[in-house]
Protein backbone atom coordinates (compact mmCIF):
# COMPACT_ATOMS: atom_id res chain seq x y z
CA MET A 1 155.40 -26.83 129.64
CA ILE A 2 152.66 -26.93 127.34
CA ARG A 3 155.71 -29.18 125.63
CA ARG A 4 156.25 -31.23 128.73
CA LEU A 5 152.16 -31.37 129.17
CA PHE A 6 151.74 -33.32 125.80
CA ALA A 7 154.85 -35.42 126.21
CA LEU A 8 152.95 -36.57 129.38
CA ALA A 9 150.27 -37.32 127.96
CA PHE A 10 151.41 -38.98 124.47
CA CYS A 11 153.24 -41.27 127.17
CA ALA A 12 150.02 -41.79 128.89
CA CYS A 13 148.11 -42.93 125.33
CA ALA A 14 151.33 -45.15 124.75
CA ALA A 15 151.13 -46.72 128.08
CA ALA A 16 147.31 -47.14 127.68
CA SER A 17 147.65 -48.83 123.99
CA LEU A 18 150.31 -50.93 125.16
CA ALA A 19 147.74 -52.00 128.02
CA ALA A 20 144.84 -52.65 125.56
CA GLN A 21 147.04 -54.61 122.83
CA HIS A 22 147.79 -57.53 125.73
CA VAL A 23 144.44 -57.32 127.12
CA ASN A 24 143.12 -57.95 123.13
CA LEU A 25 145.37 -60.60 122.56
CA ALA A 26 145.20 -62.55 125.53
CA PRO A 27 141.83 -61.42 127.31
CA THR A 28 142.12 -64.48 129.09
CA PRO A 29 145.30 -67.28 130.08
CA PRO A 30 146.31 -68.94 126.79
CA MET A 31 144.86 -72.85 126.67
CA GLY A 32 146.38 -75.70 124.17
CA TRP A 33 149.16 -78.36 123.86
CA ASN A 34 152.75 -77.89 123.90
CA SER A 35 154.80 -80.98 122.14
CA TRP A 36 158.20 -80.26 124.74
CA ASP A 37 156.98 -82.68 127.50
CA ALA A 38 156.28 -85.63 124.95
CA TYR A 39 158.65 -84.97 122.30
CA GLY A 40 161.49 -82.97 123.10
CA PHE A 41 163.31 -81.76 120.36
CA THR A 42 161.77 -84.49 117.91
CA ILE A 43 158.69 -83.90 117.13
CA ASP A 44 158.05 -83.56 113.24
CA GLU A 45 154.97 -82.35 111.11
CA ALA A 46 153.28 -85.69 111.02
CA GLN A 47 153.83 -86.48 114.96
CA PHE A 48 152.28 -82.68 115.49
CA ARG A 49 149.19 -83.06 113.35
CA GLU A 50 147.81 -86.44 114.81
CA ASN A 51 148.64 -83.92 118.03
CA VAL A 52 146.70 -81.26 116.54
CA LYS A 53 143.81 -83.57 115.45
CA VAL A 54 143.34 -84.35 119.00
CA LEU A 55 143.38 -81.14 120.37
CA ALA A 56 140.29 -79.92 117.63
CA SER A 57 138.11 -82.12 119.29
CA LEU A 58 138.74 -79.97 122.35
CA LYS A 59 138.56 -76.68 121.63
CA SER A 60 135.12 -76.52 122.82
CA TYR A 61 135.98 -76.15 125.80
CA GLY A 62 138.97 -73.26 125.69
CA TRP A 63 141.88 -75.39 124.11
CA GLN A 64 143.25 -73.45 121.27
CA TYR A 65 147.13 -73.30 121.02
CA ALA A 66 149.22 -75.52 119.33
CA VAL A 67 152.87 -75.31 120.23
CA ILE A 68 156.04 -76.80 118.05
CA ASP A 69 158.53 -76.57 120.67
CA GLU A 70 162.48 -76.40 120.46
CA GLY A 71 164.08 -77.95 117.77
CA TRP A 72 162.02 -77.99 114.68
CA TYR A 73 165.44 -76.47 112.67
CA MET A 74 167.37 -79.68 114.07
CA ARG A 75 168.19 -81.94 111.01
CA ASP A 76 169.64 -84.00 113.76
CA PRO A 77 167.38 -83.48 116.85
CA PHE A 78 169.16 -86.40 118.41
CA ALA A 79 172.30 -85.35 118.66
CA ALA A 80 173.92 -84.69 121.86
CA THR A 81 175.88 -81.17 120.96
CA THR A 82 174.32 -78.48 119.30
CA ALA A 83 176.91 -78.61 116.19
CA ALA A 84 175.94 -81.98 115.45
CA GLN A 85 171.97 -80.90 115.79
CA GLN A 86 172.90 -78.72 112.20
CA TYR A 87 170.05 -76.12 112.64
CA LEU A 88 169.20 -74.84 109.65
CA PHE A 89 168.54 -71.15 108.38
CA ASP A 90 168.71 -68.97 105.38
CA ARG A 91 170.76 -66.83 103.56
CA ASN A 92 169.80 -64.30 106.07
CA GLY A 93 170.74 -66.06 108.96
CA LEU A 94 166.76 -67.34 110.20
CA LEU A 95 166.19 -70.34 111.42
CA LEU A 96 163.88 -73.01 108.81
CA PRO A 97 161.70 -75.86 109.77
CA VAL A 98 163.87 -79.06 108.28
CA VAL A 99 162.08 -80.05 105.18
CA GLU A 100 162.70 -83.74 105.50
CA ARG A 101 160.84 -83.33 109.40
CA PHE A 102 158.45 -80.93 107.75
CA PRO A 103 157.88 -81.59 104.71
CA SER A 104 155.07 -79.00 104.45
CA ALA A 105 157.84 -76.63 104.90
CA ALA A 106 159.49 -77.43 100.97
CA ASN A 107 159.98 -74.85 98.45
CA ASP A 108 160.95 -72.03 100.97
CA ALA A 109 157.00 -72.21 102.35
CA GLY A 110 158.19 -72.49 106.37
CA PHE A 111 155.25 -72.97 108.39
CA LYS A 112 152.78 -71.43 106.49
CA PRO A 113 151.24 -74.66 105.28
CA LEU A 114 151.38 -76.14 108.43
CA ALA A 115 149.89 -72.97 110.12
CA ASP A 116 147.13 -72.87 107.73
CA TRP A 117 146.06 -76.19 108.42
CA VAL A 118 145.78 -75.12 112.17
CA HIS A 119 143.64 -72.38 111.26
CA GLY A 120 141.11 -74.66 109.16
CA LEU A 121 140.66 -76.51 112.27
CA GLY A 122 139.66 -73.46 114.42
CA LEU A 123 143.17 -73.54 116.33
CA ARG A 124 146.01 -71.03 116.80
CA PHE A 125 149.60 -71.92 116.16
CA GLY A 126 152.51 -71.65 117.55
CA ILE A 127 156.43 -72.11 117.55
CA HIS A 128 159.08 -72.08 120.34
CA VAL A 129 163.06 -69.98 119.35
CA VAL A 130 165.84 -69.66 121.72
CA ARG A 131 166.73 -65.30 121.99
CA GLY A 132 169.66 -64.72 119.99
CA ILE A 133 171.44 -64.78 116.62
CA PRO A 134 173.44 -68.32 115.81
CA LYS A 135 176.87 -68.30 116.11
CA SER A 136 177.30 -69.54 112.32
CA VAL A 137 175.26 -66.59 111.74
CA VAL A 138 178.02 -64.53 112.63
CA GLU A 139 180.72 -66.48 111.88
CA GLU A 140 179.69 -65.92 108.51
CA ASN A 141 178.73 -62.65 108.88
CA LEU A 142 175.50 -63.45 106.54
CA PRO A 143 173.28 -60.10 106.07
CA ILE A 144 170.59 -58.99 107.55
CA ALA A 145 167.07 -59.17 106.01
CA GLY A 146 165.73 -55.69 105.42
CA SER A 147 168.47 -53.96 106.33
CA SER A 148 172.53 -52.46 105.54
CA PHE A 149 173.62 -54.63 108.62
CA HIS A 150 175.32 -57.61 108.94
CA ALA A 151 175.16 -60.08 111.39
CA ALA A 152 178.27 -59.61 113.48
CA ASP A 153 176.90 -55.85 113.48
CA ALA A 154 173.84 -57.45 116.05
CA ALA A 155 176.02 -60.20 117.82
CA ASP A 156 176.36 -59.63 121.87
CA ARG A 157 178.92 -61.36 121.94
CA GLU A 158 178.74 -61.02 126.03
CA SER A 159 175.73 -62.80 126.83
CA PRO A 160 175.22 -66.08 124.92
CA CYS A 161 172.61 -68.42 126.29
CA PRO A 162 174.40 -70.14 129.73
CA TRP A 163 172.84 -73.77 128.66
CA ASN A 164 172.67 -73.99 125.01
CA ASP A 165 175.69 -72.99 123.24
CA ALA A 166 174.50 -72.24 119.50
CA ASN A 167 173.59 -68.75 119.90
CA TRP A 168 175.08 -65.30 120.68
CA GLY A 169 172.68 -62.55 122.57
CA VAL A 170 171.17 -59.86 120.43
CA ALA A 171 172.66 -56.56 121.11
CA ASP A 172 170.91 -53.48 121.93
CA ASN A 173 171.64 -51.33 118.91
CA ALA A 174 169.94 -50.75 115.75
CA ALA A 175 171.24 -53.62 113.68
CA GLY A 176 170.40 -56.08 116.80
CA GLN A 177 166.88 -54.68 116.21
CA ALA A 178 167.09 -55.27 112.65
CA TYR A 179 167.61 -58.83 113.39
CA TYR A 180 165.10 -59.27 115.67
CA ASP A 181 162.46 -57.39 113.03
CA SER A 182 163.42 -59.58 110.49
CA MET A 183 163.02 -62.47 112.39
CA MET A 184 159.60 -61.72 113.26
CA ARG A 185 158.58 -60.56 110.15
CA ARG A 186 159.09 -64.28 108.83
CA TYR A 187 157.24 -65.72 111.44
CA ALA A 188 153.98 -63.24 110.77
CA SER A 189 154.43 -64.35 107.18
CA TRP A 190 153.65 -67.67 108.26
CA ASP A 191 150.91 -66.35 110.40
CA VAL A 192 152.06 -67.74 113.29
CA ASP A 193 149.99 -66.51 116.69
CA PHE A 194 152.29 -67.43 119.86
CA ILE A 195 155.72 -67.42 120.19
CA LYS A 196 157.60 -68.72 123.13
CA VAL A 197 161.35 -67.25 123.41
CA ASP A 198 163.31 -68.95 125.69
CA CYS A 199 166.62 -67.76 127.82
CA ILE A 200 165.37 -64.35 128.55
CA SER A 201 162.92 -63.87 131.35
CA ASP A 202 165.81 -65.51 133.70
CA ARG A 203 169.62 -66.73 133.55
CA PRO A 204 170.04 -64.32 132.08
CA TYR A 205 167.39 -61.49 132.27
CA ARG A 206 167.59 -59.63 129.26
CA PRO A 207 165.40 -56.74 129.32
CA THR A 208 166.62 -55.09 126.19
CA GLU A 209 166.12 -58.24 124.33
CA ILE A 210 162.23 -58.72 125.33
CA ARG A 211 161.79 -54.58 124.28
CA GLN A 212 163.31 -55.78 121.46
CA VAL A 213 161.46 -58.84 120.13
CA ALA A 214 157.59 -56.98 121.66
CA GLU A 215 159.17 -54.20 119.17
CA ALA A 216 159.48 -56.64 116.32
CA ILE A 217 155.87 -57.90 116.64
CA ARG A 218 154.44 -55.22 117.13
CA LYS A 219 155.73 -53.65 113.79
CA THR A 220 154.53 -56.98 111.91
CA GLY A 221 150.89 -55.90 112.47
CA ARG A 222 149.86 -59.36 113.50
CA PRO A 223 148.25 -60.05 116.64
CA ILE A 224 150.89 -62.65 118.35
CA VAL A 225 151.13 -63.62 121.60
CA LEU A 226 154.39 -63.20 123.60
CA SER A 227 155.99 -65.79 125.95
CA LEU A 228 158.97 -65.49 128.06
CA SER A 229 160.77 -68.36 129.49
CA PRO A 230 162.73 -69.77 131.28
CA GLY A 231 161.65 -69.19 135.12
CA PRO A 232 162.15 -67.86 137.61
CA THR A 233 161.04 -64.67 136.58
CA ALA A 234 161.98 -62.16 139.33
CA ILE A 235 158.85 -60.44 140.69
CA ASP A 236 161.17 -57.08 140.88
CA HIS A 237 160.92 -57.03 137.22
CA ALA A 238 156.78 -58.30 137.02
CA ALA A 239 156.33 -54.24 135.80
CA GLU A 240 158.35 -54.18 133.10
CA VAL A 241 157.60 -58.02 131.72
CA ALA A 242 154.04 -57.20 131.90
CA LYS A 243 154.69 -54.09 130.05
CA TYR A 244 155.83 -56.53 126.62
CA ALA A 245 154.69 -60.11 127.27
CA GLU A 246 151.44 -61.74 127.84
CA MET A 247 152.76 -64.54 129.42
CA TRP A 248 156.09 -65.69 131.55
CA ARG A 249 156.91 -68.02 133.07
CA ILE A 250 157.43 -67.72 137.29
CA SER A 251 159.68 -71.07 137.82
CA ASP A 252 162.01 -73.15 136.39
CA ASP A 253 161.00 -75.98 134.07
CA HIS A 254 158.31 -77.73 135.99
CA TRP A 255 157.82 -81.67 135.75
CA ASP A 256 156.22 -84.36 136.85
CA LEU A 257 157.32 -84.53 140.69
CA TRP A 258 155.80 -83.43 143.94
CA THR A 259 158.54 -81.80 145.53
CA ASN A 260 162.49 -81.62 144.61
CA PRO A 261 164.48 -82.15 147.80
CA ARG A 262 167.66 -81.73 146.37
CA PRO A 263 168.15 -78.79 143.92
CA ARG A 264 171.00 -79.07 142.22
CA ASN A 265 173.86 -76.10 142.70
CA GLY A 266 171.26 -73.61 143.97
CA SER A 267 168.90 -74.31 140.78
CA GLU A 268 165.07 -74.83 141.47
CA TYR A 269 165.39 -77.26 138.48
CA PRO A 270 163.02 -79.52 138.50
CA PHE A 271 160.61 -77.29 140.01
CA GLY A 272 158.17 -79.47 142.20
CA LEU A 273 154.15 -78.86 142.44
CA ARG A 274 154.14 -78.40 145.55
CA GLU A 275 156.83 -75.29 145.12
CA ALA A 276 153.90 -74.18 142.87
CA PHE A 277 151.89 -73.38 146.13
CA ASP A 278 153.45 -70.60 147.33
CA ARG A 279 154.81 -69.23 143.62
CA LEU A 280 151.28 -68.74 142.45
CA ALA A 281 150.33 -67.17 145.71
CA ALA A 282 153.64 -64.43 145.18
CA TRP A 283 152.31 -63.87 141.68
CA ASN A 284 148.66 -63.61 142.67
CA PRO A 285 148.51 -59.72 142.88
CA TYR A 286 150.00 -59.47 139.23
CA VAL A 287 147.21 -61.31 137.35
CA THR A 288 145.60 -59.28 135.26
CA PRO A 289 143.43 -59.75 131.87
CA GLY A 290 146.99 -59.81 129.19
CA HIS A 291 148.94 -60.44 131.98
CA TRP A 292 149.51 -64.27 132.94
CA PRO A 293 152.49 -65.33 135.07
CA ASP A 294 153.09 -68.71 133.81
CA PRO A 295 153.82 -71.45 136.30
CA ASP A 296 154.63 -74.09 133.13
CA MET A 297 153.34 -76.44 131.32
CA LEU A 298 150.71 -79.32 132.87
CA PRO A 299 153.40 -82.80 132.99
CA GLU A 300 150.29 -85.24 132.68
CA GLY A 301 149.48 -88.27 130.87
CA VAL A 302 151.62 -90.25 128.63
CA LEU A 303 155.15 -88.29 128.61
CA GLY A 304 156.86 -89.69 125.32
CA PRO A 305 158.28 -90.97 122.95
CA HIS A 306 161.21 -88.81 123.85
CA PRO A 307 160.23 -85.89 126.64
CA GLY A 308 162.36 -83.13 126.87
CA SER A 309 163.77 -84.75 130.92
CA GLY A 310 163.95 -88.28 131.64
CA LYS A 311 162.80 -91.84 129.65
CA ALA A 312 159.45 -92.03 127.88
CA ARG A 313 156.45 -92.55 130.66
CA HIS A 314 153.15 -91.88 131.98
CA THR A 315 153.22 -89.09 134.49
CA ASN A 316 155.08 -89.84 137.53
CA LEU A 317 152.23 -87.52 139.30
CA THR A 318 149.21 -89.87 141.09
CA ASP A 319 146.13 -88.72 140.21
CA ASP A 320 145.30 -86.82 143.40
CA GLU A 321 148.56 -85.12 142.24
CA ALA A 322 147.27 -84.46 138.79
CA ARG A 323 144.15 -83.45 139.99
CA THR A 324 145.98 -81.40 142.41
CA GLU A 325 148.30 -79.68 140.13
CA PHE A 326 144.87 -78.95 137.34
CA THR A 327 142.79 -77.55 139.88
CA LEU A 328 145.81 -75.31 141.12
CA TRP A 329 146.38 -73.90 137.67
CA ALA A 330 142.93 -73.25 136.60
CA VAL A 331 141.83 -71.34 140.15
CA SER A 332 144.95 -69.21 140.26
CA ARG A 333 144.14 -68.15 136.36
CA SER A 334 147.25 -69.97 135.07
CA PRO A 335 148.09 -70.85 131.27
CA LEU A 336 146.91 -74.14 130.88
CA ILE A 337 149.44 -75.46 128.21
CA PHE A 338 149.13 -79.44 128.52
CA GLY A 339 152.39 -81.19 127.95
CA GLY A 340 151.13 -85.29 127.75
CA ASN A 341 150.73 -86.86 123.90
CA LEU A 342 147.15 -85.99 122.79
CA THR A 343 147.22 -89.36 120.68
CA GLN A 344 147.37 -91.39 123.78
CA LEU A 345 145.34 -89.73 125.81
CA ASP A 346 144.00 -91.48 129.21
CA ALA A 347 140.38 -91.11 130.35
CA PHE A 348 141.30 -89.09 133.36
CA SER A 349 143.15 -86.56 131.48
CA ARG A 350 140.36 -85.85 128.96
CA ALA A 351 137.89 -85.97 131.82
CA LEU A 352 140.27 -83.16 133.84
CA MET A 353 140.51 -81.15 130.22
CA THR A 354 136.74 -81.20 129.44
CA ASN A 355 135.36 -80.48 133.24
CA GLU A 356 133.88 -77.41 132.36
CA ASP A 357 133.84 -76.20 135.81
CA LEU A 358 137.89 -76.10 135.65
CA THR A 359 138.22 -74.49 132.50
CA ASP A 360 135.39 -71.98 133.45
CA LEU A 361 137.32 -71.11 136.43
CA ASP A 362 139.88 -70.79 134.70
CA GLN A 363 138.92 -68.70 131.93
CA HIS A 364 136.40 -66.41 133.42
CA ALA A 365 137.08 -66.06 137.15
CA THR A 366 136.81 -62.11 137.79
CA SER A 367 138.68 -62.68 141.17
CA SER A 368 140.91 -65.43 142.49
CA ALA A 369 143.61 -65.31 145.53
CA PRO A 370 145.10 -68.03 148.07
CA LEU A 371 142.66 -67.60 151.61
CA LYS A 372 145.78 -64.88 153.68
CA THR A 373 144.79 -66.30 157.17
CA PRO A 374 145.88 -70.21 157.77
CA LEU A 375 143.20 -72.51 158.98
CA ALA A 376 144.12 -73.44 162.51
CA GLY A 377 146.00 -76.08 163.59
CA LEU A 378 145.83 -77.14 159.39
CA ASP A 379 149.52 -76.35 158.73
CA ASP A 380 149.26 -78.58 155.49
CA ILE A 381 146.50 -77.22 153.96
CA ARG A 382 145.94 -73.79 151.35
CA VAL A 383 142.31 -72.82 150.42
CA TRP A 384 142.00 -70.26 147.05
CA LYS A 385 138.87 -69.16 146.54
CA ALA A 386 137.68 -67.39 143.44
CA VAL A 387 134.54 -65.89 141.81
CA VAL A 388 133.62 -66.49 138.00
CA GLY A 389 132.17 -64.52 135.38
CA ARG A 390 128.70 -62.19 135.80
CA ALA A 391 126.31 -64.27 137.92
CA ALA A 392 129.43 -64.13 140.30
CA ARG A 393 129.41 -67.86 140.62
CA LYS A 394 131.85 -69.00 143.88
CA TYR A 395 134.41 -71.68 143.96
CA CYS A 396 136.73 -72.71 147.04
CA ALA A 397 139.64 -75.12 146.45
CA LEU A 398 141.15 -77.16 149.03
CA PHE A 399 144.39 -78.71 148.91
CA ASN A 400 146.38 -81.07 151.63
CA LEU A 401 150.62 -80.94 151.11
CA GLY A 402 151.05 -83.12 153.55
CA ASP A 403 152.52 -86.82 152.88
CA ALA A 404 149.33 -88.19 155.14
CA PRO A 405 145.58 -88.26 154.40
CA ALA A 406 144.12 -84.54 156.25
CA GLN A 407 140.46 -85.09 158.20
CA LEU A 408 138.48 -81.37 158.23
CA HIS A 409 136.16 -79.93 160.23
CA VAL A 410 135.77 -76.22 159.46
CA THR A 411 133.35 -73.63 159.35
CA TRP A 412 132.25 -72.22 156.46
CA ALA A 413 133.24 -69.21 157.99
CA GLU A 414 136.32 -69.74 158.55
CA LEU A 415 136.81 -70.13 154.53
CA GLY A 416 135.45 -66.57 154.64
CA TYR A 417 131.57 -67.39 153.56
CA ALA A 418 128.75 -66.16 156.12
CA GLY A 419 126.26 -68.46 157.25
CA SER A 420 124.97 -71.81 155.90
CA VAL A 421 126.53 -73.10 152.48
CA LYS A 422 125.44 -75.46 150.13
CA ALA A 423 128.40 -77.07 148.27
CA VAL A 424 128.84 -78.74 145.39
CA ASP A 425 131.50 -80.78 144.60
CA VAL A 426 132.66 -80.54 141.20
CA TRP A 427 134.35 -83.51 140.70
CA THR A 428 131.13 -85.90 141.86
CA HIS A 429 128.31 -83.88 140.97
CA ARG A 430 127.20 -84.31 144.62
CA ALA A 431 125.34 -81.33 146.57
CA SER A 432 125.59 -80.89 150.24
CA ALA A 433 122.98 -79.92 152.56
CA ALA A 434 123.45 -76.34 153.80
CA SER A 435 125.45 -76.62 156.73
CA PRO A 436 127.67 -73.71 158.53
CA THR A 437 130.53 -76.57 159.14
CA LEU A 438 132.70 -78.57 155.80
CA ASP A 439 133.93 -82.21 156.91
CA LEU A 440 136.13 -84.13 154.57
CA THR A 441 139.29 -86.20 154.61
CA LEU A 442 141.33 -85.23 152.06
CA PRO A 443 144.03 -87.63 150.32
CA ALA A 444 147.63 -87.23 150.50
CA HIS A 445 148.72 -84.68 148.00
CA GLY A 446 144.86 -84.48 147.29
CA SER A 447 142.25 -81.63 146.74
CA ALA A 448 138.64 -81.18 146.44
CA LEU A 449 136.70 -77.98 144.84
CA PHE A 450 133.71 -77.27 145.38
CA ARG A 451 131.15 -74.62 143.75
CA VAL A 452 129.46 -72.33 146.97
CA GLU A 453 126.05 -71.78 146.67
């Protein structure tokens, strides 16, 4: 009996320790920039540095993570097949940055010099990997660093990534753990702060590899935020992914479109902005410090020169839609990862990124939820309410999901606020006189955000 009570107490302490670890790593939703929406596989060191310099100018607003997405190990990122892309890896089967694209990685330095430079700007450095072990590494049966195992011992040939044929899965055995241990040990030696692991939280869901990656990160002793991709992560897996990761994708790749009327083969790719409302509402109960359901990046501003989907372009979102997207992500306390090319940051996008009400709402809301009772006769109107900080500042966001402008005449009581209310428009900074009603026109796909006083 005593032994059983001791075991239960130990498990409870371990669970509490894990929870504290997540809160300490990501007490607020991560904010930053990722290269995928603008550069796809192709970003090089010079381009990364130029974007990071702009990010550094925004750090006082909370922007801090600079993430190199997929492809940094490809000798030819423009090639059409993974074989032609020519992955670069070392004698232990660990991926390496291509020196021709990342010259500071010369002399086996890896990303350490680039991470040091990012840290010198007061920011944090991140990378992307696809889960698994390269098939070429398995074919050569390379030794796994720090162990007596070889690559073939670690490979799960029954679980390749279905949309990336470069890797086998990693087996749920000692060799598989050793491989992930060696991988995360390498990234920790580069002083990486953030790792996005792809093809792991859906299509297929790989709980064994999620656990192995998280355990490998823990063993390094370095505080590294773990982001799982792609979605949609099944809501039934919420507790399990939250046990191991700080962020996990809740949708397929989100791009710059209002809605996707014709998903292919039952897929929700590309995931539209309209669909994000219901998805974020469903995941809202699982948002807690250290655990952040992720609706994907903000594909705003200039998406180029080589975006991960489609041709180079300025975002297809209208200004109203971009404001709606940014507001929805902020009021739902989602990670804010900007995807546009920061070296071509337009004034409108900069104004969103530097709006202190928005960033404060995202980072410091103590509660946030959609209005559960629909407004009578206003089926296309969605409402989110939030409370921010110890001062208990109240915010109310209203969204028009319709394709035509919407005239609103509602009482503040219908929105959950008692009596007469004074509201400050976050966009114009104009304050209304105290009133029991709210009258406004919302443009198609548009939004309004009020600080309620």
